Amino acid sequence: MLSVKVKLTMKFWLSKYALTQGIIEVVAEYCGEKTNMIRVIDDAYNGCYQGEGINWHRTKEDALKRAEELRVRKIEFHRKQIEKLESLDFSN
């Protein structure tokens, strides 16, 4: 008997590039709980992505939440940088 292994492909959403390219919908294979990875079958984003809830998501809503977290953190980082620059004094 011939044994054929079938890979299940599903839609996932990448938030890894949310601040530069937006949230990206991809078709990928889920690699399993042990690895917490997906393997994307898309020419533009081909490769493996690790970190469910961080770099990839099962729902668009979860990806949107993560993108918003990243946006808020980046804004706060730049606010602190601006405050630091504004407080510089070169008159000494």
Protein backbone atom coordinates (compact mmCIF):
# COMPACT_ATOMS: atom_id res chain seq x y z
CA MET A 1 0.00 0.00 0.00
CA LEU A 2 1.27 3.45 -0.93
CA SER A 3 1.54 5.93 1.94
CA VAL A 4 1.10 9.58 1.08
CA LYS A 5 1.72 12.33 3.60
CA VAL A 6 -0.63 15.25 3.05
CA LYS A 7 0.33 18.68 4.36
CA LEU A 8 -2.53 20.88 5.48
CA THR A 9 -2.25 24.43 4.19
CA MET A 10 -4.18 27.28 5.77
CA LYS A 11 -4.34 31.05 5.80
CA PHE A 12 -2.21 32.81 8.37
CA TRP A 13 -1.36 36.45 8.97
CA LEU A 14 2.19 37.74 9.42
CA SER A 15 2.68 40.69 11.76
CA LYS A 16 6.47 40.50 11.63
CA TYR A 17 6.54 43.25 8.99
CA ALA A 18 3.51 45.19 10.26
CA LEU A 19 5.31 48.51 10.74
CA THR A 20 7.06 48.45 7.37
CA GLN A 21 4.82 46.48 5.00
CA GLY A 22 1.59 45.98 6.91
CA ILE A 23 -0.10 42.76 7.93
CA ILE A 24 0.42 40.11 5.29
CA GLU A 25 -2.02 37.30 4.57
CA VAL A 26 -0.22 34.12 3.50
CA VAL A 27 -0.93 30.49 2.74
CA ALA A 28 1.29 28.26 4.85
CA GLU A 29 1.74 24.82 6.34
CA TYR A 30 1.48 24.55 10.10
CA CYS A 31 4.56 22.66 11.31
CA GLY A 32 3.18 21.57 14.68
CA GLU A 33 2.98 22.47 18.34
CA LYS A 34 6.56 21.46 19.14
CA THR A 35 8.12 23.89 16.69
CA ASN A 36 5.48 26.65 16.89
CA MET A 37 6.28 27.40 13.24
CA ILE A 38 4.61 27.85 9.91
CA ARG A 39 6.19 27.36 6.50
CA VAL A 40 4.95 29.92 3.99
CA ILE A 41 4.30 28.78 0.44
CA ASP A 42 4.35 32.25 -1.10
CA ASP A 43 7.10 33.47 -3.40
CA ALA A 44 7.37 36.87 -1.74
CA TYR A 45 7.49 35.62 1.86
CA ASN A 46 8.69 32.06 1.34
CA GLY A 47 10.27 30.58 4.46
CA CYS A 48 9.61 29.52 8.02
CA TYR A 49 8.24 31.82 10.70
CA GLN A 50 8.41 30.98 14.38
CA GLY A 51 6.38 32.51 17.17
CA GLU A 52 2.63 32.25 17.09
CA GLY A 53 1.18 35.45 18.51
CA ILE A 54 4.43 37.29 17.87
CA ASN A 55 5.37 36.92 14.19
CA TRP A 56 2.35 35.02 12.85
CA HIS A 57 -1.30 34.61 13.78
CA ARG A 58 -4.23 32.33 13.07
CA THR A 59 -6.70 35.24 12.79
CA LYS A 60 -6.50 38.68 11.26
CA GLU A 61 -7.86 40.17 14.48
CA ASP A 62 -4.93 38.78 16.48
CA ALA A 63 -2.50 40.16 13.89
CA LEU A 64 -4.16 43.59 14.15
CA LYS A 65 -3.82 43.56 17.95
CA ARG A 66 -0.12 42.72 17.67
CA ALA A 67 0.43 45.40 15.03
CA GLU A 68 -1.17 47.98 17.33
CA GLU A 69 1.12 46.88 20.21
CA LEU A 70 4.15 47.28 17.95
CA ARG A 71 2.96 50.71 16.78
CA VAL A 72 2.43 51.99 20.33
CA ARG A 73 5.85 50.71 21.43
CA LYS A 74 7.58 52.33 18.46
CA ILE A 75 5.87 55.67 19.13
CA GLU A 76 6.93 55.54 22.80
CA PHE A 77 10.50 54.72 21.79
CA HIS A 78 10.64 57.74 19.48
CA ARG A 79 9.06 60.01 22.12
CA LYS A 80 11.84 59.07 24.52
CA GLN A 81 14.45 59.66 21.83
CA ILE A 82 13.00 63.12 21.07
CA GLU A 83 12.99 64.04 24.79
CA LYS A 84 16.60 62.95 25.03
CA LEU A 85 17.58 65.04 22.02
CA GLU A 86 15.65 68.08 23.27
CA SER A 87 17.41 67.92 26.61
CA LEU A 88 20.89 68.06 25.07
CA ASP A 89 22.80 71.24 25.86
CA PHE A 90 25.86 72.12 23.81
CA SER A 91 26.52 75.49 25.48
CA ASN A 92 29.16 74.13 27.89
